[in-house]
Amino acid sequence: MTRKNQFWKGMLFGALAGGAVTLLDKETREAMKEHVKRVSGVVSEVVRHPGEMAEKVKGTATKLKTTFEQVGEDISFIVEKVDELRELTPKVTDAMKETKESLSPDDELLEELLEEKEYR
């Protein structure tokens, strides 16, 4: 158990040391300074007006719920149409086969129609 604690302590100290070393770079320090300002501004705004933040979160949650419901309905509609197509496709295929068979070149009616067309 002691080794495990030492491992995590080492990880923490290593991360802190790595973070400190990166702050030697002036651009990194400036970027971190701006980031901390932005985050502290957001945090102070939330602390001053917690009700507004709660309303925003509720509004976002409602929008997400509505969106998920709509997506669910759309998926159900698509699945229904795909099922209809699956049922319809064999019927169309059978109808096409029947039509092809009924219009085969052996059919006297087709031959007569073709002959009439040639004479025109």
PDB file of N, CA and C in Angstrom:
ATOM      1  N   MET A   1       0.830  -1.193   0.000  1.00  0.00           N
ATOM      2  CA  MET A   1       0.000   0.000   0.000  1.00  0.00           C
ATOM      3  C   MET A   1       0.872   1.253   0.000  1.00  0.00           C
ATOM      4  N   THR A   2       1.967   1.231   0.670  1.00  0.00           N
ATOM      5  CA  THR A   2       2.853   2.383   0.735  1.00  0.00           C
ATOM      6  C   THR A   2       3.427   2.695  -0.636  1.00  0.00           C
ATOM      7  N   ARG A   3       3.776   1.671  -1.400  1.00  0.00           N
ATOM      8  CA  ARG A   3       4.324   1.901  -2.742  1.00  0.00           C
ATOM      9  C   ARG A   3       3.296   2.589  -3.640  1.00  0.00           C
ATOM     10  N   LYS A   4       2.045   2.191  -3.515  1.00  0.00           N
ATOM     11  CA  LYS A   4       0.993   2.795  -4.321  1.00  0.00           C
ATOM     12  C   LYS A   4       0.880   4.287  -3.994  1.00  0.00           C
ATOM     13  N   ASN A   5       0.893   4.632  -2.706  1.00  0.00           N
ATOM     14  CA  ASN A   5       0.819   6.037  -2.313  1.00  0.00           C
ATOM     15  C   ASN A   5       2.021   6.808  -2.841  1.00  0.00           C
ATOM     16  N   GLN A   6       3.183   6.196  -2.809  1.00  0.00           N
ATOM     17  CA  GLN A   6       4.381   6.869  -3.311  1.00  0.00           C
ATOM     18  C   GLN A   6       4.272   7.101  -4.812  1.00  0.00           C
ATOM     19  N   PHE A   7       3.698   6.135  -5.509  1.00  0.00           N
ATOM     20  CA  PHE A   7       3.534   6.292  -6.950  1.00  0.00           C
ATOM     21  C   PHE A   7       2.685   7.522  -7.260  1.00  0.00           C
ATOM     22  N   TRP A   8       1.524   7.650  -6.601  1.00  0.00           N
ATOM     23  CA  TRP A   8       0.644   8.771  -6.881  1.00  0.00           C
ATOM     24  C   TRP A   8       1.248  10.092  -6.425  1.00  0.00           C
ATOM     25  N   LYS A   9       1.977  10.055  -5.312  1.00  0.00           N
ATOM     26  CA  LYS A   9       2.678  11.271  -4.881  1.00  0.00           C
ATOM     27  C   LYS A   9       3.711  11.677  -5.935  1.00  0.00           C
ATOM     28  N   GLY A  10       4.431  10.681  -6.426  1.00  0.00           N
ATOM     29  CA  GLY A  10       5.425  10.956  -7.476  1.00  0.00           C
ATOM     30  C   GLY A  10       4.779  11.528  -8.729  1.00  0.00           C
ATOM     31  N   MET A  11       3.612  10.974  -9.106  1.00  0.00           N
ATOM     32  CA  MET A  11       2.897  11.486 -10.274  1.00  0.00           C
ATOM     33  C   MET A  11       2.488  12.945 -10.054  1.00  0.00           C
ATOM     34  N   LEU A  12       1.998  13.247  -8.853  1.00  0.00           N
ATOM     35  CA  LEU A  12       1.568  14.603  -8.547  1.00  0.00           C
ATOM     36  C   LEU A  12       2.749  15.572  -8.585  1.00  0.00           C
ATOM     37  N   PHE A  13       3.828  15.195  -7.936  1.00  0.00           N
ATOM     38  CA  PHE A  13       5.004  16.068  -7.925  1.00  0.00           C
ATOM     39  C   PHE A  13       5.598  16.226  -9.326  1.00  0.00           C
ATOM     40  N   GLY A  14       5.576  15.153 -10.085  1.00  0.00           N
ATOM     41  CA  GLY A  14       6.079  15.226 -11.461  1.00  0.00           C
ATOM     42  C   GLY A  14       5.240  16.170 -12.307  1.00  0.00           C
ATOM     43  N   ALA A  15       3.925  16.083 -12.145  1.00  0.00           N
ATOM     44  CA  ALA A  15       3.038  16.975 -12.891  1.00  0.00           C
ATOM     45  C   ALA A  15       3.260  18.431 -12.488  1.00  0.00           C
ATOM     46  N   LEU A  16       3.396  18.648 -11.196  1.00  0.00           N
ATOM     47  CA  LEU A  16       3.647  20.015 -10.727  1.00  0.00           C
ATOM     48  C   LEU A  16       4.984  20.540 -11.254  1.00  0.00           C
ATOM     49  N   ALA A  17       6.008  19.697 -11.206  1.00  0.00           N
ATOM     50  CA  ALA A  17       7.324  20.111 -11.706  1.00  0.00           C
ATOM     51  C   ALA A  17       7.260  20.393 -13.205  1.00  0.00           C
ATOM     52  N   GLY A  18       6.560  19.519 -13.953  1.00  0.00           N
ATOM     53  CA  GLY A  18       6.423  19.742 -15.392  1.00  0.00           C
ATOM     54  C   GLY A  18       5.680  21.026 -15.687  1.00  0.00           C
ATOM     55  N   GLY A  19       4.625  21.296 -14.944  1.00  0.00           N
ATOM     56  CA  GLY A  19       3.881  22.537 -15.127  1.00  0.00           C
ATOM     57  C   GLY A  19       4.732  23.753 -14.828  1.00  0.00           C
ATOM     58  N   ALA A  20       5.539  23.663 -13.760  1.00  0.00           N
ATOM     59  CA  ALA A  20       6.402  24.785 -13.404  1.00  0.00           C
ATOM     60  C   ALA A  20       7.447  25.032 -14.489  1.00  0.00           C
ATOM     61  N   VAL A  21       7.998  23.972 -15.045  1.00  0.00           N
ATOM     62  CA  VAL A  21       9.013  24.126 -16.094  1.00  0.00           C
ATOM     63  C   VAL A  21       8.401  24.774 -17.332  1.00  0.00           C
ATOM     64  N   THR A  22       7.187  24.397 -17.678  1.00  0.00           N
ATOM     65  CA  THR A  22       6.566  24.998 -18.868  1.00  0.00           C
ATOM     66  C   THR A  22       6.304  26.487 -18.672  1.00  0.00           C
ATOM     67  N   LEU A  23       6.150  26.908 -17.425  1.00  0.00           N
ATOM     68  CA  LEU A  23       5.913  28.332 -17.166  1.00  0.00           C
ATOM     69  C   LEU A  23       7.174  29.178 -17.333  1.00  0.00           C
ATOM     70  N   LEU A  24       8.311  28.564 -17.580  1.00  0.00           N
ATOM     71  CA  LEU A  24       9.532  29.325 -17.863  1.00  0.00           C
ATOM     72  C   LEU A  24       9.418  30.026 -19.215  1.00  0.00           C
ATOM     73  N   ASP A  25       8.585  29.494 -20.097  1.00  0.00           N
ATOM     74  CA  ASP A  25       8.368  30.097 -21.402  1.00  0.00           C
ATOM     75  C   ASP A  25       7.395  31.272 -21.262  1.00  0.00           C
ATOM     76  N   LYS A  26       7.788  32.436 -21.778  1.00  0.00           N
ATOM     77  CA  LYS A  26       6.981  33.644 -21.618  1.00  0.00           C
ATOM     78  C   LYS A  26       5.609  33.514 -22.283  1.00  0.00           C
ATOM     79  N   GLU A  27       5.536  32.944 -23.498  1.00  0.00           N
ATOM     80  CA  GLU A  27       4.248  32.795 -24.187  1.00  0.00           C
ATOM     81  C   GLU A  27       3.304  31.900 -23.393  1.00  0.00           C
ATOM     82  N   THR A  28       3.842  30.849 -22.807  1.00  0.00           N
ATOM     83  CA  THR A  28       3.015  29.931 -22.017  1.00  0.00           C
ATOM     84  C   THR A  28       2.481  30.647 -20.780  1.00  0.00           C
ATOM     85  N   ARG A  29       3.339  31.436 -20.126  1.00  0.00           N
ATOM     86  CA  ARG A  29       2.890  32.197 -18.951  1.00  0.00           C
ATOM     87  C   ARG A  29       1.768  33.150 -19.323  1.00  0.00           C
ATOM     88  N   GLU A  30       1.912  33.864 -20.448  1.00  0.00           N
ATOM     89  CA  GLU A  30       0.889  34.814 -20.878  1.00  0.00           C
ATOM     90  C   GLU A  30      -0.427  34.083 -21.206  1.00  0.00           C
ATOM     91  N   ALA A  31      -0.317  32.967 -21.888  1.00  0.00           N
ATOM     92  CA  ALA A  31      -1.522  32.205 -22.236  1.00  0.00           C
ATOM     93  C   ALA A  31      -2.215  31.706 -20.969  1.00  0.00           C
ATOM     94  N   MET A  32      -1.462  31.200 -20.014  1.00  0.00           N
ATOM     95  CA  MET A  32      -2.036  30.716 -18.758  1.00  0.00           C
ATOM     96  C   MET A  32      -2.670  31.864 -17.974  1.00  0.00           C
ATOM     97  N   LYS A  33      -2.029  33.022 -18.002  1.00  0.00           N
ATOM     98  CA  LYS A  33      -2.557  34.188 -17.304  1.00  0.00           C
ATOM     99  C   LYS A  33      -3.919  34.570 -17.878  1.00  0.00           C
ATOM    100  N   GLU A  34      -4.038  34.599 -19.208  1.00  0.00           N
ATOM    101  CA  GLU A  34      -5.313  34.912 -19.853  1.00  0.00           C
ATOM    102  C   GLU A  34      -6.361  33.844 -19.536  1.00  0.00           C
ATOM    103  N   HIS A  35      -5.945  32.598 -19.561  1.00  0.00           N
ATOM    104  CA  HIS A  35      -6.860  31.492 -19.268  1.00  0.00           C
ATOM    105  C   HIS A  35      -7.388  31.594 -17.835  1.00  0.00           C
ATOM    106  N   VAL A  36      -6.508  31.870 -16.895  1.00  0.00           N
ATOM    107  CA  VAL A  36      -6.921  32.000 -15.497  1.00  0.00           C
ATOM    108  C   VAL A  36      -7.870  33.181 -15.328  1.00  0.00           C
ATOM    109  N   LYS A  37      -7.618  34.275 -16.032  1.00  0.00           N
ATOM    110  CA  LYS A  37      -8.517  35.434 -15.957  1.00  0.00           C
ATOM    111  C   LYS A  37      -9.908  35.071 -16.444  1.00  0.00           C
ATOM    112  N   ARG A  38      -9.970  34.377 -17.584  1.00  0.00           N
ATOM    113  CA  ARG A  38     -11.278  33.986 -18.138  1.00  0.00           C
ATOM    114  C   ARG A  38     -12.023  33.056 -17.196  1.00  0.00           C
ATOM    115  N   VAL A  39     -11.316  32.051 -16.695  1.00  0.00           N
ATOM    116  CA  VAL A  39     -11.961  31.075 -15.811  1.00  0.00           C
ATOM    117  C   VAL A  39     -12.406  31.741 -14.522  1.00  0.00           C
ATOM    118  N   SER A  40     -11.565  32.597 -13.952  1.00  0.00           N
ATOM    119  CA  SER A  40     -11.950  33.256 -12.706  1.00  0.00           C
ATOM    120  C   SER A  40     -13.131  34.189 -12.930  1.00  0.00           C
ATOM    121  N   GLY A  41     -13.212  34.805 -14.114  1.00  0.00           N
ATOM    122  CA  GLY A  41     -14.355  35.658 -14.434  1.00  0.00           C
ATOM    123  C   GLY A  41     -15.642  34.856 -14.499  1.00  0.00           C
ATOM    124  N   VAL A  42     -15.589  33.694 -15.121  1.00  0.00           N
ATOM    125  CA  VAL A  42     -16.770  32.835 -15.214  1.00  0.00           C
ATOM    126  C   VAL A  42     -17.176  32.348 -13.830  1.00  0.00           C
ATOM    127  N   VAL A  43     -16.199  31.936 -13.034  1.00  0.00           N
ATOM    128  CA  VAL A  43     -16.491  31.436 -11.688  1.00  0.00           C
ATOM    129  C   VAL A  43     -17.108  32.537 -10.836  1.00  0.00           C
ATOM    130  N   SER A  44     -16.553  33.742 -10.897  1.00  0.00           N
ATOM    131  CA  SER A  44     -17.108  34.833 -10.088  1.00  0.00           C
ATOM    132  C   SER A  44     -18.529  35.185 -10.545  1.00  0.00           C
ATOM    133  N   GLU A  45     -18.798  35.099 -11.837  1.00  0.00           N
ATOM    134  CA  GLU A  45     -20.145  35.361 -12.362  1.00  0.00           C
ATOM    135  C   GLU A  45     -21.134  34.319 -11.841  1.00  0.00           C
ATOM    136  N   VAL A  46     -20.712  33.082 -11.817  1.00  0.00           N
ATOM    137  CA  VAL A  46     -21.577  32.010 -11.304  1.00  0.00           C
ATOM    138  C   VAL A  46     -21.837  32.204  -9.821  1.00  0.00           C
ATOM    139  N   VAL A  47     -20.810  32.611  -9.071  1.00  0.00           N
ATOM    140  CA  VAL A  47     -20.969  32.812  -7.630  1.00  0.00           C
ATOM    141  C   VAL A  47     -21.918  33.986  -7.363  1.00  0.00           C
ATOM    142  N   ARG A  48     -21.804  35.055  -8.174  1.00  0.00           N
ATOM    143  CA  ARG A  48     -22.661  36.226  -7.969  1.00  0.00           C
ATOM    144  C   ARG A  48     -24.106  35.985  -8.390  1.00  0.00           C
ATOM    145  N   HIS A  49     -24.297  35.190  -9.454  1.00  0.00           N
ATOM    146  CA  HIS A  49     -25.646  34.968  -9.995  1.00  0.00           C
ATOM    147  C   HIS A  49     -25.899  33.478 -10.214  1.00  0.00           C
ATOM    148  N   PRO A  50     -26.008  32.724  -9.132  1.00  0.00           N
ATOM    149  CA  PRO A  50     -26.185  31.271  -9.300  1.00  0.00           C
ATOM    150  C   PRO A  50     -27.525  30.909  -9.946  1.00  0.00           C
ATOM    151  N   GLY A  51     -28.534  31.712  -9.718  1.00  0.00           N
ATOM    152  CA  GLY A  51     -29.855  31.429 -10.303  1.00  0.00           C
ATOM    153  C   GLY A  51     -29.836  31.492 -11.823  1.00  0.00           C
ATOM    154  N   GLU A  52     -29.134  32.487 -12.376  1.00  0.00           N
ATOM    155  CA  GLU A  52     -29.035  32.621 -13.827  1.00  0.00           C
ATOM    156  C   GLU A  52     -28.367  31.395 -14.435  1.00  0.00           C
ATOM    157  N   MET A  53     -27.298  30.952 -13.787  1.00  0.00           N
ATOM    158  CA  MET A  53     -26.582  29.788 -14.295  1.00  0.00           C
ATOM    159  C   MET A  53     -27.475  28.554 -14.228  1.00  0.00           C
ATOM    160  N   ALA A  54     -28.235  28.426 -13.139  1.00  0.00           N
ATOM    161  CA  ALA A  54     -29.139  27.283 -13.005  1.00  0.00           C
ATOM    162  C   ALA A  54     -30.191  27.311 -14.106  1.00  0.00           C
ATOM    163  N   GLU A  55     -30.714  28.494 -14.423  1.00  0.00           N
ATOM    164  CA  GLU A  55     -31.711  28.612 -15.492  1.00  0.00           C
ATOM    165  C   GLU A  55     -31.108  28.271 -16.850  1.00  0.00           C
ATOM    166  N   LYS A  56     -29.875  28.721 -17.082  1.00  0.00           N
ATOM    167  CA  LYS A  56     -29.207  28.399 -18.350  1.00  0.00           C
ATOM    168  C   LYS A  56     -29.013  26.888 -18.483  1.00  0.00           C
ATOM    169  N   VAL A  57     -28.608  26.258 -17.390  1.00  0.00           N
ATOM    170  CA  VAL A  57     -28.402  24.814 -17.413  1.00  0.00           C
ATOM    171  C   VAL A  57     -29.728  24.100 -17.663  1.00  0.00           C
ATOM    172  N   LYS A  58     -30.790  24.552 -16.995  1.00  0.00           N
ATOM    173  CA  LYS A  58     -32.111  23.947 -17.205  1.00  0.00           C
ATOM    174  C   LYS A  58     -32.573  24.133 -18.648  1.00  0.00           C
ATOM    175  N   GLY A  59     -32.362  25.325 -19.181  1.00  0.00           N
ATOM    176  CA  GLY A  59     -32.751  25.591 -20.571  1.00  0.00           C
ATOM    177  C   GLY A  59     -31.992  24.700 -21.546  1.00  0.00           C
ATOM    178  N   THR A  60     -30.700  24.569 -21.304  1.00  0.00           N
ATOM    179  CA  THR A  60     -29.886  23.714 -22.164  1.00  0.00           C
ATOM    180  C   THR A  60     -30.333  22.263 -22.049  1.00  0.00           C
ATOM    181  N   ALA A  61     -30.628  21.820 -20.833  1.00  0.00           N
ATOM    182  CA  ALA A  61     -31.091  20.447 -20.627  1.00  0.00           C
ATOM    183  C   ALA A  61     -32.412  20.211 -21.352  1.00  0.00           C
ATOM    184  N   THR A  62     -33.300  21.188 -21.307  1.00  0.00           N
ATOM    185  CA  THR A  62     -34.584  21.070 -21.998  1.00  0.00           C
ATOM    186  C   THR A  62     -34.384  20.985 -23.511  1.00  0.00           C
ATOM    187  N   LYS A  63     -33.500  21.837 -24.035  1.00  0.00           N
ATOM    188  CA  LYS A  63     -33.211  21.813 -25.472  1.00  0.00           C
ATOM    189  C   LYS A  63     -32.623  20.459 -25.879  1.00  0.00           C
ATOM    190  N   LEU A  64     -31.709  19.951 -25.067  1.00  0.00           N
ATOM    191  CA  LEU A  64     -31.114  18.645 -25.361  1.00  0.00           C
ATOM    192  C   LEU A  64     -32.165  17.544 -25.350  1.00  0.00           C
ATOM    193  N   LYS A  65     -33.042  17.580 -24.364  1.00  0.00           N
ATOM    194  CA  LYS A  65     -34.092  16.574 -24.259  1.00  0.00           C
ATOM    195  C   LYS A  65     -34.987  16.621 -25.495  1.00  0.00           C
ATOM    196  N   THR A  66     -35.390  17.830 -25.888  1.00  0.00           N
ATOM    197  CA  THR A  66     -36.234  17.990 -27.069  1.00  0.00           C
ATOM    198  C   THR A  66     -35.525  17.482 -28.318  1.00  0.00           C
ATOM    199  N   THR A  67     -34.252  17.810 -28.440  1.00  0.00           N
ATOM    200  CA  THR A  67     -33.474  17.367 -29.598  1.00  0.00           C
ATOM    201  C   THR A  67     -33.384  15.846 -29.635  1.00  0.00           C
ATOM    202  N   PHE A  68     -33.096  15.226 -28.496  1.00  0.00           N
ATOM    203  CA  PHE A  68     -33.002  13.763 -28.449  1.00  0.00           C
ATOM    204  C   PHE A  68     -34.343  13.116 -28.787  1.00  0.00           C
ATOM    205  N   GLU A  69     -35.429  13.699 -28.311  1.00  0.00           N
ATOM    206  CA  GLU A  69     -36.752  13.161 -28.627  1.00  0.00           C
ATOM    207  C   GLU A  69     -37.014  13.255 -30.124  1.00  0.00           C
ATOM    208  N   GLN A  70     -36.669  14.395 -30.724  1.00  0.00           N
ATOM    209  CA  GLN A  70     -36.874  14.585 -32.167  1.00  0.00           C
ATOM    210  C   GLN A  70     -36.027  13.602 -32.956  1.00  0.00           C
ATOM    211  N   VAL A  71     -34.775  13.427 -32.547  1.00  0.00           N
ATOM    212  CA  VAL A  71     -33.903  12.475 -33.231  1.00  0.00           C
ATOM    213  C   VAL A  71     -34.473  11.065 -33.111  1.00  0.00           C
ATOM    214  N   GLY A  72     -34.982  10.723 -31.948  1.00  0.00           N
ATOM    215  CA  GLY A  72     -35.595   9.410 -31.748  1.00  0.00           C
ATOM    216  C   GLY A  72     -36.790   9.213 -32.665  1.00  0.00           C
ATOM    217  N   GLU A  73     -37.621  10.239 -32.788  1.00  0.00           N
ATOM    218  CA  GLU A  73     -38.779  10.167 -33.689  1.00  0.00           C
ATOM    219  C   GLU A  73     -38.325  10.024 -35.140  1.00  0.00           C
ATOM    220  N   ASP A  74     -37.301  10.785 -35.513  1.00  0.00           N
ATOM    221  CA  ASP A  74     -36.784  10.700 -36.884  1.00  0.00           C
ATOM    222  C   ASP A  74     -36.243   9.303 -37.180  1.00  0.00           C
ATOM    223  N   ILE A  75     -35.521   8.743 -36.231  1.00  0.00           N
ATOM    224  CA  ILE A  75     -34.973   7.396 -36.423  1.00  0.00           C
ATOM    225  C   ILE A  75     -36.104   6.381 -36.550  1.00  0.00           C
ATOM    226  N   SER A  76     -37.124   6.513 -35.726  1.00  0.00           N
ATOM    227  CA  SER A  76     -38.275   5.611 -35.821  1.00  0.00           C
ATOM    228  C   SER A  76     -38.944   5.715 -37.188  1.00  0.00           C
ATOM    229  N   PHE A  77     -39.099   6.934 -37.692  1.00  0.00           N
ATOM    230  CA  PHE A  77     -39.701   7.144 -39.003  1.00  0.00           C
ATOM    231  C   PHE A  77     -38.865   6.480 -40.091  1.00  0.00           C
ATOM    232  N   ILE A  78     -37.552   6.671 -40.024  1.00  0.00           N
ATOM    233  CA  ILE A  78     -36.655   6.083 -41.023  1.00  0.00           C
ATOM    234  C   ILE A  78     -36.718   4.564 -40.967  1.00  0.00           C
ATOM    235  N   VAL A  79     -36.697   3.999 -39.770  1.00  0.00           N
ATOM    236  CA  VAL A  79     -36.775   2.545 -39.625  1.00  0.00           C
ATOM    237  C   VAL A  79     -38.097   2.038 -40.210  1.00  0.00           C
ATOM    238  N   GLU A  80     -39.174   2.756 -39.966  1.00  0.00           N
ATOM    239  CA  GLU A  80     -40.484   2.370 -40.501  1.00  0.00           C
ATOM    240  C   GLU A  80     -40.462   2.374 -42.024  1.00  0.00           C
ATOM    241  N   LYS A  81     -39.876   3.407 -42.625  1.00  0.00           N
ATOM    242  CA  LYS A  81     -39.807   3.491 -44.085  1.00  0.00           C
ATOM    243  C   LYS A  81     -38.917   2.387 -44.657  1.00  0.00           C
ATOM    244  N   VAL A  82     -37.820   2.082 -43.986  1.00  0.00           N
ATOM    245  CA  VAL A  82     -36.941   1.001 -44.447  1.00  0.00           C
ATOM    246  C   VAL A  82     -37.693  -0.324 -44.409  1.00  0.00           C
ATOM    247  N   ASP A  83     -38.451  -0.556 -43.345  1.00  0.00           N
ATOM    248  CA  ASP A  83     -39.249  -1.785 -43.253  1.00  0.00           C
ATOM    249  C   ASP A  83     -40.277  -1.846 -44.384  1.00  0.00           C
ATOM    250  N   GLU A  84     -40.920  -0.705 -44.681  1.00  0.00           N
ATOM    251  CA  GLU A  84     -41.876  -0.667 -45.777  1.00  0.00           C
ATOM    252  C   GLU A  84     -41.194  -1.002 -47.102  1.00  0.00           C
ATOM    253  N   LEU A  85     -39.998  -0.459 -47.311  1.00  0.00           N
ATOM    254  CA  LEU A  85     -39.258  -0.752 -48.542  1.00  0.00           C
ATOM    255  C   LEU A  85     -38.892  -2.230 -48.625  1.00  0.00           C
ATOM    256  N   ARG A  86     -38.517  -2.806 -47.499  1.00  0.00           N
ATOM    257  CA  ARG A  86     -38.187  -4.235 -47.486  1.00  0.00           C
ATOM    258  C   ARG A  86     -39.395  -5.066 -47.890  1.00  0.00           C
ATOM    259  N   GLU A  87     -40.563  -4.681 -47.425  1.00  0.00           N
ATOM    260  CA  GLU A  87     -41.771  -5.407 -47.780  1.00  0.00           C
ATOM    261  C   GLU A  87     -42.157  -5.155 -49.234  1.00  0.00           C
ATOM    262  N   LEU A  88     -41.953  -3.941 -49.710  1.00  0.00           N
ATOM    263  CA  LEU A  88     -42.375  -3.564 -51.052  1.00  0.00           C
ATOM    264  C   LEU A  88     -41.440  -4.119 -52.133  1.00  0.00           C
ATOM    265  N   THR A  89     -40.164  -4.201 -51.859  1.00  0.00           N
ATOM    266  CA  THR A  89     -39.186  -4.619 -52.865  1.00  0.00           C
ATOM    267  C   THR A  89     -39.510  -5.983 -53.467  1.00  0.00           C
ATOM    268  N   PRO A  90     -39.789  -7.022 -52.685  1.00  0.00           N
ATOM    269  CA  PRO A  90     -40.128  -8.304 -53.310  1.00  0.00           C
ATOM    270  C   PRO A  90     -41.386  -8.216 -54.170  1.00  0.00           C
ATOM    271  N   LYS A  91     -42.358  -7.415 -53.749  1.00  0.00           N
ATOM    272  CA  LYS A  91     -43.588  -7.258 -54.538  1.00  0.00           C
ATOM    273  C   LYS A  91     -43.273  -6.613 -55.887  1.00  0.00           C
ATOM    274  N   VAL A  92     -42.435  -5.593 -55.871  1.00  0.00           N
ATOM    275  CA  VAL A  92     -42.068  -4.909 -57.112  1.00  0.00           C
ATOM    276  C   VAL A  92     -41.286  -5.865 -57.999  1.00  0.00           C
ATOM    277  N   THR A  93     -40.360  -6.610 -57.414  1.00  0.00           N
ATOM    278  CA  THR A  93     -39.571  -7.572 -58.177  1.00  0.00           C
ATOM    279  C   THR A  93     -40.485  -8.610 -58.828  1.00  0.00           C
ATOM    280  N   ASP A  94     -41.439  -9.135 -58.068  1.00  0.00           N
ATOM    281  CA  ASP A  94     -42.379 -10.115 -58.618  1.00  0.00           C
ATOM    282  C   ASP A  94     -43.199  -9.498 -59.748  1.00  0.00           C
ATOM    283  N   ALA A  95     -43.661  -8.268 -59.554  1.00  0.00           N
ATOM    284  CA  ALA A  95     -44.449  -7.604 -60.596  1.00  0.00           C
ATOM    285  C   ALA A  95     -43.621  -7.407 -61.860  1.00  0.00           C
ATOM    286  N   MET A  96     -42.354  -7.061 -61.703  1.00  0.00           N
ATOM    287  CA  MET A  96     -41.476  -6.877 -62.863  1.00  0.00           C
ATOM    288  C   MET A  96     -41.261  -8.201 -63.586  1.00  0.00           C
ATOM    289  N   LYS A  97     -41.075  -9.288 -62.822  1.00  0.00           N
ATOM    290  CA  LYS A  97     -40.905 -10.599 -63.441  1.00  0.00           C
ATOM    291  C   LYS A  97     -42.156 -10.988 -64.214  1.00  0.00           C
ATOM    292  N   GLU A  98     -43.319 -10.763 -63.609  1.00  0.00           N
ATOM    293  CA  GLU A  98     -44.579 -11.079 -64.267  1.00  0.00           C
ATOM    294  C   GLU A  98     -44.738 -10.257 -65.540  1.00  0.00           C
ATOM    295  N   THR A  99     -44.382  -8.988 -65.470  1.00  0.00           N
ATOM    296  CA  THR A  99     -44.484  -8.125 -66.643  1.00  0.00           C
ATOM    297  C   THR A  99     -43.542  -8.598 -67.731  1.00  0.00           C
ATOM    298  N   LYS A 100     -42.341  -8.946 -67.348  1.00  0.00           N
ATOM    299  CA  LYS A 100     -41.358  -9.435 -68.315  1.00  0.00           C
ATOM    300  C   LYS A 100     -41.859 -10.709 -68.970  1.00  0.00           C
ATOM    301  N   GLU A 101     -42.396 -11.605 -68.155  1.00  0.00           N
ATOM    302  CA  GLU A 101     -42.898 -12.865 -68.691  1.00  0.00           C
ATOM    303  C   GLU A 101     -44.080 -12.630 -69.619  1.00  0.00           C
ATOM    304  N   SER A 102     -44.940 -11.683 -69.238  1.00  0.00           N
ATOM    305  CA  SER A 102     -46.113 -11.432 -70.074  1.00  0.00           C
ATOM    306  C   SER A 102     -45.749 -10.725 -71.362  1.00  0.00           C
ATOM    307  N   LEU A 103     -44.621 -10.054 -71.391  1.00  0.00           N
ATOM    308  CA  LEU A 103     -44.180  -9.350 -72.593  1.00  0.00           C
ATOM    309  C   LEU A 103     -43.019 -10.061 -73.275  1.00  0.00           C
ATOM    310  N   SER A 104     -42.910 -11.330 -73.085  1.00  0.00           N
ATOM    311  CA  SER A 104     -41.803 -12.069 -73.693  1.00  0.00           C
ATOM    312  C   SER A 104     -41.951 -12.064 -75.211  1.00  0.00           C
ATOM    313  N   PRO A 105     -40.864 -12.216 -75.958  1.00  0.00           N
ATOM    314  CA  PRO A 105     -40.925 -12.197 -77.420  1.00  0.00           C
ATOM    315  C   PRO A 105     -41.799 -13.317 -77.994  1.00  0.00           C
ATOM    316  N   ASP A 106     -42.086 -14.323 -77.221  1.00  0.00           N
ATOM    317  CA  ASP A 106     -42.931 -15.406 -77.695  1.00  0.00           C
ATOM    318  C   ASP A 106     -44.394 -14.982 -77.742  1.00  0.00           C
ATOM    319  N   ASP A 107     -44.703 -13.903 -77.120  1.00  0.00           N
ATOM    320  CA  ASP A 107     -46.088 -13.453 -77.048  1.00  0.00           C
ATOM    321  C   ASP A 107     -46.529 -12.923 -78.414  1.00  0.00           C
ATOM    322  N   GLU A 108     -47.598 -13.431 -78.902  1.00  0.00           N
ATOM    323  CA  GLU A 108     -48.104 -13.042 -80.211  1.00  0.00           C
ATOM    324  C   GLU A 108     -48.523 -11.578 -80.239  1.00  0.00           C
ATOM    325  N   LEU A 109     -49.103 -11.108 -79.154  1.00  0.00           N
ATOM    326  CA  LEU A 109     -49.541  -9.719 -79.099  1.00  0.00           C
ATOM    327  C   LEU A 109     -48.358  -8.774 -79.242  1.00  0.00           C
ATOM    328  N   LEU A 110     -47.267  -9.093 -78.557  1.00  0.00           N
ATOM    329  CA  LEU A 110     -46.074  -8.250 -78.644  1.00  0.00           C
ATOM    330  C   LEU A 110     -45.534  -8.254 -80.068  1.00  0.00           C
ATOM    331  N   GLU A 111     -45.513  -9.401 -80.681  1.00  0.00           N
ATOM    332  CA  GLU A 111     -45.022  -9.487 -82.052  1.00  0.00           C
ATOM    333  C   GLU A 111     -45.882  -8.643 -82.990  1.00  0.00           C
ATOM    334  N   GLU A 112     -47.181  -8.710 -82.795  1.00  0.00           N
ATOM    335  CA  GLU A 112     -48.083  -7.929 -83.640  1.00  0.00           C
ATOM    336  C   GLU A 112     -47.840  -6.434 -83.446  1.00  0.00           C
ATOM    337  N   LEU A 113     -47.648  -6.039 -82.202  1.00  0.00           N
ATOM    338  CA  LEU A 113     -47.384  -4.618 -81.933  1.00  0.00           C
ATOM    339  C   LEU A 113     -46.079  -4.175 -82.576  1.00  0.00           C
ATOM    340  N   LEU A 114     -45.069  -5.017 -82.497  1.00  0.00           N
ATOM    341  CA  LEU A 114     -43.789  -4.672 -83.101  1.00  0.00           C
ATOM    342  C   LEU A 114     -43.913  -4.588 -84.618  1.00  0.00           C
ATOM    343  N   GLU A 115     -44.662  -5.479 -85.202  1.00  0.00           N
ATOM    344  CA  GLU A 115     -44.850  -5.445 -86.647  1.00  0.00           C
ATOM    345  C   GLU A 115     -45.596  -4.194 -87.068  1.00  0.00           C
ATOM    346  N   GLU A 116     -46.627  -3.823 -86.319  1.00  0.00           N
ATOM    347  CA  GLU A 116     -47.383  -2.619 -86.636  1.00  0.00           C
ATOM    348  C   GLU A 116     -46.494  -1.392 -86.559  1.00  0.00           C
ATOM    349  N   LYS A 117     -45.611  -1.365 -85.600  1.00  0.00           N
ATOM    350  CA  LYS A 117     -44.721  -0.219 -85.425  1.00  0.00           C
ATOM    351  C   LYS A 117     -43.756  -0.131 -86.601  1.00  0.00           C
ATOM    352  N   GLU A 118     -43.317  -1.263 -87.115  1.00  0.00           N
ATOM    353  CA  GLU A 118     -42.384  -1.261 -88.236  1.00  0.00           C
ATOM    354  C   GLU A 118     -43.063  -0.716 -89.500  1.00  0.00           C
ATOM    355  N   TYR A 119     -44.327  -0.978 -89.646  1.00  0.00           N
ATOM    356  CA  TYR A 119     -45.044  -0.534 -90.844  1.00  0.00           C
ATOM    357  C   TYR A 119     -45.310   0.970 -90.821  1.00  0.00           C
ATOM    358  N   ARG A 120     -45.317   1.566 -89.677  1.00  0.00           N
ATOM    359  CA  ARG A 120     -45.642   2.996 -89.573  1.00  0.00           C
ATOM    360  C   ARG A 120     -44.511   3.829 -89.961  1.00  0.00           C
TER     361      ARG A 120
END
